[in-house]
Amino acid sequence: MQRFAQRAVASGDSVQRPFAVVDKRQARVFVFGADGRLRGTAPVLLGLAHGDRSVPGIGERQMSEIRPEERITPAGRFVSEPGRNLQGEDITWIDYGAAVSMHRVRATNPAERRLERLASPGVDDNRISYGCINVPADFYDAQLKPVVGAARGVVYVLPESGPVGALFEFAADPH
């Protein structure tokens, strides 16, 4: 992950700003300073379905209309911006058009066991959301919000299928 961060900085892709990297394979978020130094990392919950592209028009649908196989956390480079959800809570928009944000984990439905999923050592149970990236509340407040949630920032979501260098040219290994 450190190599990815160093290449993001060296290439200028991170536009001299602190940034976050979400590794879907590890179900973790990494927060870096503008210099590419790691500031912190935490487990995350991701979209229920595997995949790297949002279904076209997904952000325009009611949640009840989104099928399980469409609940994807998309991969890519995103310019984040602060926002609010329908409950008035502050969130970090990752892809507004696809209605994908990064926010504090909400443990409103005990049957979903979201806090337990975050605490478990494996990653297989970290798939539950509609596509949003759920983060431990204390980490969100201390690390993410100041870096990419208080103003526009950069968030990289690494693909789970295919090489990282195919999506991020700066991360491709030279031949």
N, C-alpha and C. Protein backbone atom coordinates (compact mmCIF):
# COMPACT_ATOMS: atom_id res chain seq x y z
N MET A 1 0.82 -1.19 0.00
CA MET A 1 0.00 0.00 0.00
C MET A 1 0.87 1.26 0.00
N GLN A 2 1.99 1.17 0.73
CA GLN A 2 2.89 2.32 0.78
C GLN A 2 3.43 2.65 -0.61
N ARG A 3 3.70 1.62 -1.39
CA ARG A 3 4.20 1.85 -2.76
C ARG A 3 3.16 2.56 -3.61
N PHE A 4 1.91 2.15 -3.50
CA PHE A 4 0.83 2.82 -4.23
C PHE A 4 0.79 4.30 -3.83
N ALA A 5 0.86 4.57 -2.53
CA ALA A 5 0.80 5.95 -2.05
C ALA A 5 1.98 6.77 -2.57
N GLN A 6 3.17 6.19 -2.53
CA GLN A 6 4.35 6.91 -3.02
C GLN A 6 4.22 7.23 -4.51
N ARG A 7 3.68 6.31 -5.27
CA ARG A 7 3.49 6.55 -6.70
C ARG A 7 2.40 7.59 -6.97
N ALA A 8 1.36 7.59 -6.15
CA ALA A 8 0.30 8.60 -6.30
C ALA A 8 0.87 10.00 -6.08
N VAL A 9 1.75 10.12 -5.09
CA VAL A 9 2.37 11.42 -4.79
C VAL A 9 3.37 11.78 -5.88
N ALA A 10 4.28 10.86 -6.23
CA ALA A 10 5.33 11.14 -7.22
C ALA A 10 4.76 11.51 -8.58
N SER A 11 3.65 10.91 -8.95
CA SER A 11 3.05 11.19 -10.26
C SER A 11 2.26 12.50 -10.27
N GLY A 12 1.97 13.03 -9.09
CA GLY A 12 1.14 14.23 -9.00
C GLY A 12 -0.35 13.93 -9.01
N ASP A 13 -0.71 12.65 -9.06
CA ASP A 13 -2.12 12.29 -9.14
C ASP A 13 -2.90 12.67 -7.89
N SER A 14 -2.23 12.69 -6.76
CA SER A 14 -2.91 13.04 -5.51
C SER A 14 -2.99 14.56 -5.30
N VAL A 15 -2.56 15.31 -6.29
CA VAL A 15 -2.63 16.79 -6.34
C VAL A 15 -2.18 17.46 -5.03
N GLN A 16 -1.09 16.93 -4.46
CA GLN A 16 -0.46 17.50 -3.26
C GLN A 16 -1.44 17.64 -2.09
N ARG A 17 -2.36 16.70 -2.00
CA ARG A 17 -3.32 16.69 -0.89
C ARG A 17 -3.21 15.38 -0.13
N PRO A 18 -3.62 15.39 1.13
CA PRO A 18 -3.79 14.10 1.81
C PRO A 18 -4.85 13.29 1.07
N PHE A 19 -4.79 11.98 1.20
CA PHE A 19 -5.73 11.13 0.46
C PHE A 19 -6.00 9.84 1.21
N ALA A 20 -7.03 9.15 0.77
CA ALA A 20 -7.39 7.86 1.35
C ALA A 20 -7.38 6.80 0.25
N VAL A 21 -7.03 5.59 0.63
CA VAL A 21 -7.04 4.45 -0.29
C VAL A 21 -7.88 3.36 0.36
N VAL A 22 -8.88 2.88 -0.37
CA VAL A 22 -9.71 1.77 0.10
C VAL A 22 -9.28 0.52 -0.66
N ASP A 23 -8.82 -0.47 0.06
CA ASP A 23 -8.43 -1.74 -0.53
C ASP A 23 -9.57 -2.72 -0.30
N LYS A 24 -10.33 -2.98 -1.34
CA LYS A 24 -11.50 -3.86 -1.19
C LYS A 24 -11.10 -5.30 -0.88
N ARG A 25 -9.97 -5.75 -1.40
CA ARG A 25 -9.54 -7.13 -1.13
C ARG A 25 -9.23 -7.35 0.35
N GLN A 26 -8.68 -6.32 0.99
CA GLN A 26 -8.36 -6.39 2.41
C GLN A 26 -9.48 -5.84 3.29
N ALA A 27 -10.47 -5.19 2.68
CA ALA A 27 -11.55 -4.52 3.41
C ALA A 27 -10.98 -3.55 4.44
N ARG A 28 -10.08 -2.66 3.95
CA ARG A 28 -9.43 -1.67 4.81
C ARG A 28 -9.33 -0.34 4.09
N VAL A 29 -9.31 0.71 4.89
CA VAL A 29 -9.03 2.05 4.38
C VAL A 29 -7.70 2.49 4.98
N PHE A 30 -6.90 3.17 4.17
CA PHE A 30 -5.61 3.71 4.57
C PHE A 30 -5.65 5.21 4.33
N VAL A 31 -5.24 5.99 5.30
CA VAL A 31 -5.23 7.44 5.17
C VAL A 31 -3.78 7.91 5.13
N PHE A 32 -3.47 8.73 4.12
CA PHE A 32 -2.11 9.21 3.91
C PHE A 32 -2.05 10.73 3.95
N GLY A 33 -0.91 11.24 4.42
CA GLY A 33 -0.67 12.66 4.34
C GLY A 33 -0.32 13.05 2.91
N ALA A 34 -0.24 14.33 2.64
CA ALA A 34 0.10 14.80 1.30
C ALA A 34 1.47 14.31 0.85
N ASP A 35 2.33 13.98 1.81
CA ASP A 35 3.67 13.48 1.50
C ASP A 35 3.69 11.97 1.26
N GLY A 36 2.54 11.32 1.36
CA GLY A 36 2.46 9.88 1.14
C GLY A 36 2.73 9.04 2.37
N ARG A 37 2.90 9.67 3.51
CA ARG A 37 3.13 8.90 4.75
C ARG A 37 1.80 8.44 5.33
N LEU A 38 1.80 7.20 5.77
CA LEU A 38 0.59 6.61 6.35
C LEU A 38 0.25 7.29 7.66
N ARG A 39 -1.00 7.75 7.78
CA ARG A 39 -1.49 8.36 9.02
C ARG A 39 -2.30 7.38 9.85
N GLY A 40 -2.99 6.45 9.18
CA GLY A 40 -3.79 5.49 9.92
C GLY A 40 -4.52 4.55 8.98
N THR A 41 -5.00 3.46 9.55
CA THR A 41 -5.74 2.47 8.77
C THR A 41 -6.81 1.85 9.66
N ALA A 42 -7.87 1.38 9.03
CA ALA A 42 -8.99 0.78 9.76
C ALA A 42 -9.74 -0.17 8.84
N PRO A 43 -10.44 -1.15 9.43
CA PRO A 43 -11.29 -2.02 8.62
C PRO A 43 -12.51 -1.25 8.13
N VAL A 44 -13.09 -1.72 7.03
CA VAL A 44 -14.30 -1.10 6.48
C VAL A 44 -15.30 -2.17 6.09
N LEU A 45 -16.55 -1.76 6.00
CA LEU A 45 -17.60 -2.59 5.41
C LEU A 45 -17.83 -2.06 4.00
N LEU A 46 -18.10 -2.97 3.08
CA LEU A 46 -18.23 -2.63 1.66
C LEU A 46 -19.56 -3.13 1.11
N GLY A 47 -19.79 -2.81 -0.16
CA GLY A 47 -20.98 -3.28 -0.84
C GLY A 47 -21.08 -4.79 -0.82
N LEU A 48 -22.30 -5.29 -0.69
CA LEU A 48 -22.56 -6.72 -0.60
C LEU A 48 -22.02 -7.50 -1.80
N ALA A 49 -22.15 -6.95 -2.99
CA ALA A 49 -21.76 -7.65 -4.21
C ALA A 49 -20.32 -7.36 -4.60
N HIS A 50 -19.67 -8.35 -5.17
CA HIS A 50 -18.33 -8.15 -5.72
C HIS A 50 -18.46 -7.49 -7.08
N GLY A 51 -17.48 -6.69 -7.42
CA GLY A 51 -17.47 -5.98 -8.70
C GLY A 51 -16.80 -4.64 -8.54
N ASP A 52 -16.49 -4.01 -9.66
CA ASP A 52 -15.76 -2.75 -9.62
C ASP A 52 -16.48 -1.59 -10.30
N ARG A 53 -17.63 -1.86 -10.88
CA ARG A 53 -18.38 -0.80 -11.56
C ARG A 53 -19.81 -0.73 -11.03
N SER A 54 -20.25 0.50 -10.79
CA SER A 54 -21.64 0.70 -10.37
C SER A 54 -22.58 0.41 -11.53
N VAL A 55 -23.74 -0.08 -11.22
CA VAL A 55 -24.78 -0.30 -12.22
C VAL A 55 -25.26 1.07 -12.71
N PRO A 56 -25.37 1.27 -14.02
CA PRO A 56 -25.84 2.57 -14.52
C PRO A 56 -27.19 2.95 -13.91
N GLY A 57 -27.28 4.21 -13.47
CA GLY A 57 -28.53 4.72 -12.91
C GLY A 57 -28.81 4.32 -11.48
N ILE A 58 -27.88 3.63 -10.83
CA ILE A 58 -28.12 3.11 -9.48
C ILE A 58 -28.41 4.22 -8.48
N GLY A 59 -27.80 5.36 -8.65
CA GLY A 59 -27.99 6.46 -7.71
C GLY A 59 -29.34 7.13 -7.79
N GLU A 60 -30.10 6.81 -8.82
CA GLU A 60 -31.43 7.41 -9.00
C GLU A 60 -32.55 6.53 -8.46
N ARG A 61 -32.20 5.34 -7.99
CA ARG A 61 -33.21 4.40 -7.52
C ARG A 61 -33.43 4.50 -6.02
N GLN A 62 -34.61 4.06 -5.60
CA GLN A 62 -34.89 3.89 -4.18
C GLN A 62 -34.07 2.69 -3.69
N MET A 63 -33.66 2.72 -2.45
CA MET A 63 -32.87 1.61 -1.92
C MET A 63 -33.60 0.28 -2.03
N SER A 64 -34.91 0.31 -1.87
CA SER A 64 -35.70 -0.92 -1.94
C SER A 64 -35.69 -1.54 -3.34
N GLU A 65 -35.29 -0.77 -4.34
CA GLU A 65 -35.25 -1.25 -5.72
C GLU A 65 -33.88 -1.79 -6.12
N ILE A 66 -32.91 -1.71 -5.22
CA ILE A 66 -31.55 -2.16 -5.54
C ILE A 66 -31.39 -3.62 -5.14
N ARG A 67 -31.16 -4.46 -6.15
CA ARG A 67 -31.02 -5.90 -5.91
C ARG A 67 -29.66 -6.21 -5.25
N PRO A 68 -29.57 -7.32 -4.54
CA PRO A 68 -28.31 -7.67 -3.86
C PRO A 68 -27.10 -7.68 -4.80
N GLU A 69 -27.24 -8.20 -6.00
CA GLU A 69 -26.11 -8.28 -6.92
C GLU A 69 -25.69 -6.92 -7.48
N GLU A 70 -26.46 -5.88 -7.20
CA GLU A 70 -26.15 -4.53 -7.66
C GLU A 70 -25.49 -3.67 -6.58
N ARG A 71 -25.33 -4.21 -5.41
CA ARG A 71 -24.80 -3.46 -4.26
C ARG A 71 -23.27 -3.50 -4.28
N ILE A 72 -22.71 -2.71 -5.17
CA ILE A 72 -21.27 -2.72 -5.46
C ILE A 72 -20.61 -1.44 -4.97
N THR A 73 -19.45 -1.58 -4.37
CA THR A 73 -18.59 -0.43 -4.09
C THR A 73 -17.70 -0.26 -5.31
N PRO A 74 -17.88 0.82 -6.08
CA PRO A 74 -17.11 0.97 -7.32
C PRO A 74 -15.64 1.28 -7.06
N ALA A 75 -14.79 0.82 -7.96
CA ALA A 75 -13.36 1.13 -7.91
C ALA A 75 -13.10 2.38 -8.74
N GLY A 76 -12.04 3.08 -8.40
CA GLY A 76 -11.65 4.25 -9.19
C GLY A 76 -11.04 5.34 -8.34
N ARG A 77 -10.74 6.45 -9.01
CA ARG A 77 -10.23 7.65 -8.34
C ARG A 77 -11.39 8.61 -8.23
N PHE A 78 -11.66 9.07 -7.03
CA PHE A 78 -12.80 9.93 -6.80
C PHE A 78 -12.36 11.21 -6.09
N VAL A 79 -13.00 12.30 -6.44
CA VAL A 79 -12.81 13.55 -5.73
C VAL A 79 -13.93 13.61 -4.70
N SER A 80 -13.55 13.51 -3.45
CA SER A 80 -14.54 13.48 -2.38
C SER A 80 -15.00 14.88 -2.05
N GLU A 81 -16.17 14.94 -1.44
CA GLU A 81 -16.64 16.22 -0.93
C GLU A 81 -17.56 15.98 0.26
N PRO A 82 -17.56 16.93 1.19
CA PRO A 82 -18.42 16.77 2.36
C PRO A 82 -19.88 16.90 1.98
N GLY A 83 -20.72 16.21 2.74
CA GLY A 83 -22.16 16.29 2.49
C GLY A 83 -22.94 15.82 3.70
N ARG A 84 -24.23 15.67 3.50
CA ARG A 84 -25.12 15.19 4.56
C ARG A 84 -26.05 14.15 3.96
N ASN A 85 -26.38 13.14 4.77
CA ASN A 85 -27.34 12.14 4.31
C ASN A 85 -28.76 12.61 4.65
N LEU A 86 -29.73 11.78 4.35
CA LEU A 86 -31.13 12.15 4.58
C LEU A 86 -31.46 12.32 6.07
N GLN A 87 -30.64 11.73 6.94
CA GLN A 87 -30.85 11.87 8.38
C GLN A 87 -30.12 13.09 8.95
N GLY A 88 -29.43 13.83 8.09
CA GLY A 88 -28.71 15.03 8.52
C GLY A 88 -27.31 14.78 9.04
N GLU A 89 -26.84 13.53 8.96
CA GLU A 89 -25.49 13.20 9.43
C GLU A 89 -24.46 13.61 8.38
N ASP A 90 -23.30 14.08 8.85
CA ASP A 90 -22.25 14.41 7.89
C ASP A 90 -21.65 13.13 7.33
N ILE A 91 -21.39 13.15 6.04
CA ILE A 91 -20.82 12.03 5.31
C ILE A 91 -19.79 12.58 4.33
N THR A 92 -19.06 11.69 3.71
CA THR A 92 -18.11 12.07 2.67
C THR A 92 -18.57 11.43 1.37
N TRP A 93 -18.98 12.25 0.42
CA TRP A 93 -19.40 11.73 -0.87
C TRP A 93 -18.18 11.25 -1.64
N ILE A 94 -18.28 10.04 -2.18
CA ILE A 94 -17.24 9.47 -3.02
C ILE A 94 -17.67 9.57 -4.48
N ASP A 95 -18.88 9.13 -4.75
CA ASP A 95 -19.45 9.18 -6.10
C ASP A 95 -20.92 9.58 -5.95
N TYR A 96 -21.17 10.86 -6.02
CA TYR A 96 -22.52 11.38 -5.76
C TYR A 96 -23.53 10.80 -6.75
N GLY A 97 -23.16 10.69 -8.01
CA GLY A 97 -24.08 10.18 -9.03
C GLY A 97 -24.52 8.75 -8.79
N ALA A 98 -23.64 7.95 -8.18
CA ALA A 98 -23.98 6.56 -7.87
C ALA A 98 -24.44 6.41 -6.42
N ALA A 99 -24.56 7.53 -5.72
CA ALA A 99 -25.00 7.55 -4.31
C ALA A 99 -24.08 6.72 -3.42
N VAL A 100 -22.76 6.83 -3.65
CA VAL A 100 -21.79 6.11 -2.84
C VAL A 100 -21.05 7.12 -1.96
N SER A 101 -21.08 6.85 -0.67
CA SER A 101 -20.39 7.72 0.28
C SER A 101 -19.57 6.89 1.25
N MET A 102 -18.73 7.59 1.99
CA MET A 102 -18.00 6.99 3.09
C MET A 102 -18.56 7.63 4.36
N HIS A 103 -18.93 6.81 5.33
CA HIS A 103 -19.53 7.36 6.54
C HIS A 103 -19.29 6.44 7.72
N ARG A 104 -19.62 6.94 8.89
CA ARG A 104 -19.51 6.15 10.12
C ARG A 104 -20.43 4.93 10.00
N VAL A 105 -19.99 3.81 10.52
CA VAL A 105 -20.84 2.62 10.53
C VAL A 105 -22.06 2.91 11.39
N ARG A 106 -23.19 2.45 10.92
CA ARG A 106 -24.45 2.60 11.67
C ARG A 106 -24.91 1.21 12.09
N ALA A 107 -25.04 1.02 13.38
CA ALA A 107 -25.46 -0.27 13.92
C ALA A 107 -26.94 -0.21 14.30
N THR A 108 -27.77 0.19 13.36
CA THR A 108 -29.20 0.37 13.65
C THR A 108 -30.00 -0.92 13.58
N ASN A 109 -29.50 -1.92 12.86
CA ASN A 109 -30.18 -3.20 12.75
C ASN A 109 -29.29 -4.27 13.38
N PRO A 110 -29.59 -4.70 14.62
CA PRO A 110 -28.73 -5.66 15.32
C PRO A 110 -28.48 -6.95 14.53
N ALA A 111 -29.42 -7.37 13.71
CA ALA A 111 -29.26 -8.60 12.94
C ALA A 111 -28.12 -8.51 11.93
N GLU A 112 -27.77 -7.30 11.51
CA GLU A 112 -26.68 -7.13 10.53
C GLU A 112 -25.30 -7.27 11.16
N ARG A 113 -25.20 -7.11 12.49
CA ARG A 113 -23.93 -7.28 13.20
C ARG A 113 -22.79 -6.47 12.58
N ARG A 114 -23.05 -5.24 12.25
CA ARG A 114 -22.04 -4.42 11.57
C ARG A 114 -20.79 -4.18 12.42
N LEU A 115 -20.97 -3.89 13.68
CA LEU A 115 -19.80 -3.66 14.54
C LEU A 115 -18.98 -4.93 14.70
N GLU A 116 -19.65 -6.06 14.84
CA GLU A 116 -18.95 -7.35 14.95
C GLU A 116 -18.21 -7.67 13.65
N ARG A 117 -18.81 -7.35 12.53
CA ARG A 117 -18.16 -7.59 11.23
C ARG A 117 -16.87 -6.78 11.12
N LEU A 118 -16.93 -5.52 11.55
CA LEU A 118 -15.72 -4.68 11.52
C LEU A 118 -14.63 -5.25 12.42
N ALA A 119 -15.03 -5.81 13.55
CA ALA A 119 -14.06 -6.32 14.53
C ALA A 119 -13.52 -7.70 14.19
N SER A 120 -14.17 -8.42 13.30
CA SER A 120 -13.72 -9.79 12.98
C SER A 120 -12.41 -9.75 12.20
N PRO A 121 -11.57 -10.79 12.36
CA PRO A 121 -10.27 -10.78 11.69
C PRO A 121 -10.35 -11.04 10.18
N GLY A 122 -11.39 -11.69 9.71
CA GLY A 122 -11.50 -12.00 8.28
C GLY A 122 -12.12 -10.87 7.49
N VAL A 123 -12.18 -11.04 6.17
CA VAL A 123 -12.78 -10.02 5.31
C VAL A 123 -14.07 -10.48 4.64
N ASP A 124 -14.33 -11.77 4.68
CA ASP A 124 -15.51 -12.29 3.98
C ASP A 124 -16.82 -11.73 4.52
N ASP A 125 -16.86 -11.41 5.81
CA ASP A 125 -18.09 -10.89 6.39
C ASP A 125 -18.19 -9.36 6.34
N ASN A 126 -17.24 -8.72 5.67
CA ASN A 126 -17.25 -7.25 5.57
C ASN A 126 -18.08 -6.76 4.39
N ARG A 127 -18.83 -7.63 3.77
CA ARG A 127 -19.69 -7.28 2.64
C ARG A 127 -21.13 -7.24 3.11
N ILE A 128 -21.69 -6.02 3.21
CA ILE A 128 -23.07 -5.92 3.67
C ILE A 128 -23.78 -4.67 3.17
N SER A 129 -23.06 -3.63 2.79
CA SER A 129 -23.71 -2.36 2.47
C SER A 129 -24.31 -2.35 1.06
N TYR A 130 -24.96 -1.26 0.76
CA TYR A 130 -25.52 -1.06 -0.58
C TYR A 130 -24.46 -0.55 -1.55
N GLY A 131 -23.26 -0.34 -1.08
CA GLY A 131 -22.16 0.16 -1.88
C GLY A 131 -21.34 1.19 -1.14
N CYS A 132 -21.91 1.77 -0.11
CA CYS A 132 -21.18 2.76 0.69
C CYS A 132 -20.06 2.08 1.48
N ILE A 133 -19.09 2.88 1.86
CA ILE A 133 -17.96 2.42 2.65
C ILE A 133 -18.22 2.83 4.09
N ASN A 134 -18.44 1.84 4.96
CA ASN A 134 -18.73 2.07 6.38
C ASN A 134 -17.43 1.97 7.17
N VAL A 135 -17.17 2.96 8.00
CA VAL A 135 -15.91 3.08 8.72
C VAL A 135 -16.20 3.16 10.23
N PRO A 136 -15.32 2.61 11.09
CA PRO A 136 -15.52 2.80 12.52
C PRO A 136 -15.66 4.29 12.85
N ALA A 137 -16.61 4.63 13.70
CA ALA A 137 -16.93 6.03 13.98
C ALA A 137 -15.74 6.83 14.49
N ASP A 138 -14.97 6.26 15.41
CA ASP A 138 -13.84 7.01 15.95
C ASP A 138 -12.78 7.28 14.90
N PHE A 139 -12.54 6.32 14.02
CA PHE A 139 -11.57 6.50 12.94
C PHE A 139 -12.08 7.54 11.94
N TYR A 140 -13.35 7.48 11.63
CA TYR A 140 -13.94 8.46 10.71
C TYR A 140 -13.72 9.87 11.26
N ASP A 141 -14.05 10.07 12.52
CA ASP A 141 -13.95 11.41 13.11
C ASP A 141 -12.51 11.89 13.24
N ALA A 142 -11.60 11.00 13.63
CA ALA A 142 -10.21 11.40 13.89
C ALA A 142 -9.34 11.44 12.64
N GLN A 143 -9.59 10.55 11.69
CA GLN A 143 -8.69 10.43 10.54
C GLN A 143 -9.31 10.82 9.20
N LEU A 144 -10.45 10.24 8.89
CA LEU A 144 -11.03 10.46 7.56
C LEU A 144 -11.65 11.84 7.37
N LYS A 145 -12.49 12.22 8.29
CA LYS A 145 -13.20 13.49 8.13
C LYS A 145 -12.23 14.67 7.96
N PRO A 146 -11.19 14.78 8.78
CA PRO A 146 -10.27 15.91 8.58
C PRO A 146 -9.51 15.86 7.25
N VAL A 147 -9.28 14.67 6.71
CA VAL A 147 -8.46 14.53 5.51
C VAL A 147 -9.27 14.64 4.23
N VAL A 148 -10.33 13.86 4.10
CA VAL A 148 -11.10 13.87 2.84
C VAL A 148 -12.57 14.21 3.04
N GLY A 149 -12.98 14.46 4.28
CA GLY A 149 -14.38 14.73 4.55
C GLY A 149 -14.72 16.16 4.90
N ALA A 150 -13.71 16.99 5.13
CA ALA A 150 -13.96 18.37 5.51
C ALA A 150 -13.92 19.31 4.30
N ALA A 151 -13.25 18.89 3.26
CA ALA A 151 -13.14 19.65 2.01
C ALA A 151 -12.91 18.64 0.90
N ARG A 152 -12.86 19.11 -0.32
CA ARG A 152 -12.60 18.18 -1.43
C ARG A 152 -11.27 17.47 -1.21
N GLY A 153 -11.29 16.18 -1.48
CA GLY A 153 -10.09 15.38 -1.32
C GLY A 153 -10.04 14.31 -2.39
N VAL A 154 -9.07 13.43 -2.28
CA VAL A 154 -8.92 12.34 -3.24
C VAL A 154 -9.10 11.02 -2.49
N VAL A 155 -9.91 10.15 -3.07
CA VAL A 155 -10.10 8.80 -2.53
C VAL A 155 -9.89 7.82 -3.67
N TYR A 156 -8.97 6.89 -3.45
CA TYR A 156 -8.73 5.82 -4.41
C TYR A 156 -9.40 4.56 -3.87
N VAL A 157 -10.22 3.93 -4.68
CA VAL A 157 -10.81 2.64 -4.32
C VAL A 157 -10.20 1.62 -5.28
N LEU A 158 -9.39 0.73 -4.74
CA LEU A 158 -8.68 -0.25 -5.56
C LEU A 158 -9.63 -1.32 -6.08
N PRO A 159 -9.38 -1.79 -7.30
CA PRO A 159 -10.25 -2.83 -7.86
C PRO A 159 -10.03 -4.17 -7.15
N GLU A 160 -11.08 -4.97 -7.14
CA GLU A 160 -10.93 -6.31 -6.58
C GLU A 160 -10.72 -7.35 -7.67
N SER A 161 -11.01 -6.99 -8.90
CA SER A 161 -10.75 -7.90 -10.02
C SER A 161 -9.84 -7.16 -11.00
N GLY A 162 -8.77 -7.79 -11.37
CA GLY A 162 -7.83 -7.16 -12.29
C GLY A 162 -6.74 -6.41 -11.55
N PRO A 163 -5.67 -6.10 -12.28
CA PRO A 163 -4.54 -5.43 -11.65
C PRO A 163 -4.82 -3.96 -11.35
N VAL A 164 -4.23 -3.48 -10.27
CA VAL A 164 -4.39 -2.08 -9.87
C VAL A 164 -3.86 -1.16 -10.96
N GLY A 165 -2.76 -1.54 -11.60
CA GLY A 165 -2.15 -0.71 -12.65
C GLY A 165 -3.02 -0.54 -13.88
N ALA A 166 -3.98 -1.42 -14.08
CA ALA A 166 -4.90 -1.27 -15.22
C ALA A 166 -5.87 -0.12 -14.99
N LEU A 167 -6.15 0.19 -13.74
CA LEU A 167 -7.08 1.27 -13.40
C LEU A 167 -6.33 2.56 -13.09
N PHE A 168 -5.17 2.43 -12.48
CA PHE A 168 -4.37 3.60 -12.10
C PHE A 168 -3.03 3.50 -12.82
N GLU A 169 -2.88 4.25 -13.89
CA GLU A 169 -1.68 4.16 -14.72
C GLU A 169 -0.40 4.40 -13.92
N PHE A 170 -0.44 5.34 -12.99
CA PHE A 170 0.76 5.65 -12.21
C PHE A 170 1.21 4.46 -11.35
N ALA A 171 0.32 3.52 -11.09
CA ALA A 171 0.64 2.37 -10.25
C ALA A 171 1.09 1.16 -11.05
N ALA A 172 1.05 1.26 -12.37
CA ALA A 172 1.43 0.12 -13.22
C ALA A 172 2.93 -0.12 -13.12
N ASP A 173 3.31 -1.39 -13.09
CA ASP A 173 4.73 -1.73 -13.07
C ASP A 173 5.31 -1.50 -14.46
N PRO A 174 6.47 -0.84 -14.54
CA PRO A 174 7.10 -0.64 -15.84
C PRO A 174 7.54 -1.98 -16.43
N HIS A 175 7.48 -2.08 -17.72
CA HIS A 175 7.84 -3.35 -18.38
C HIS A 175 9.29 -3.39 -18.73
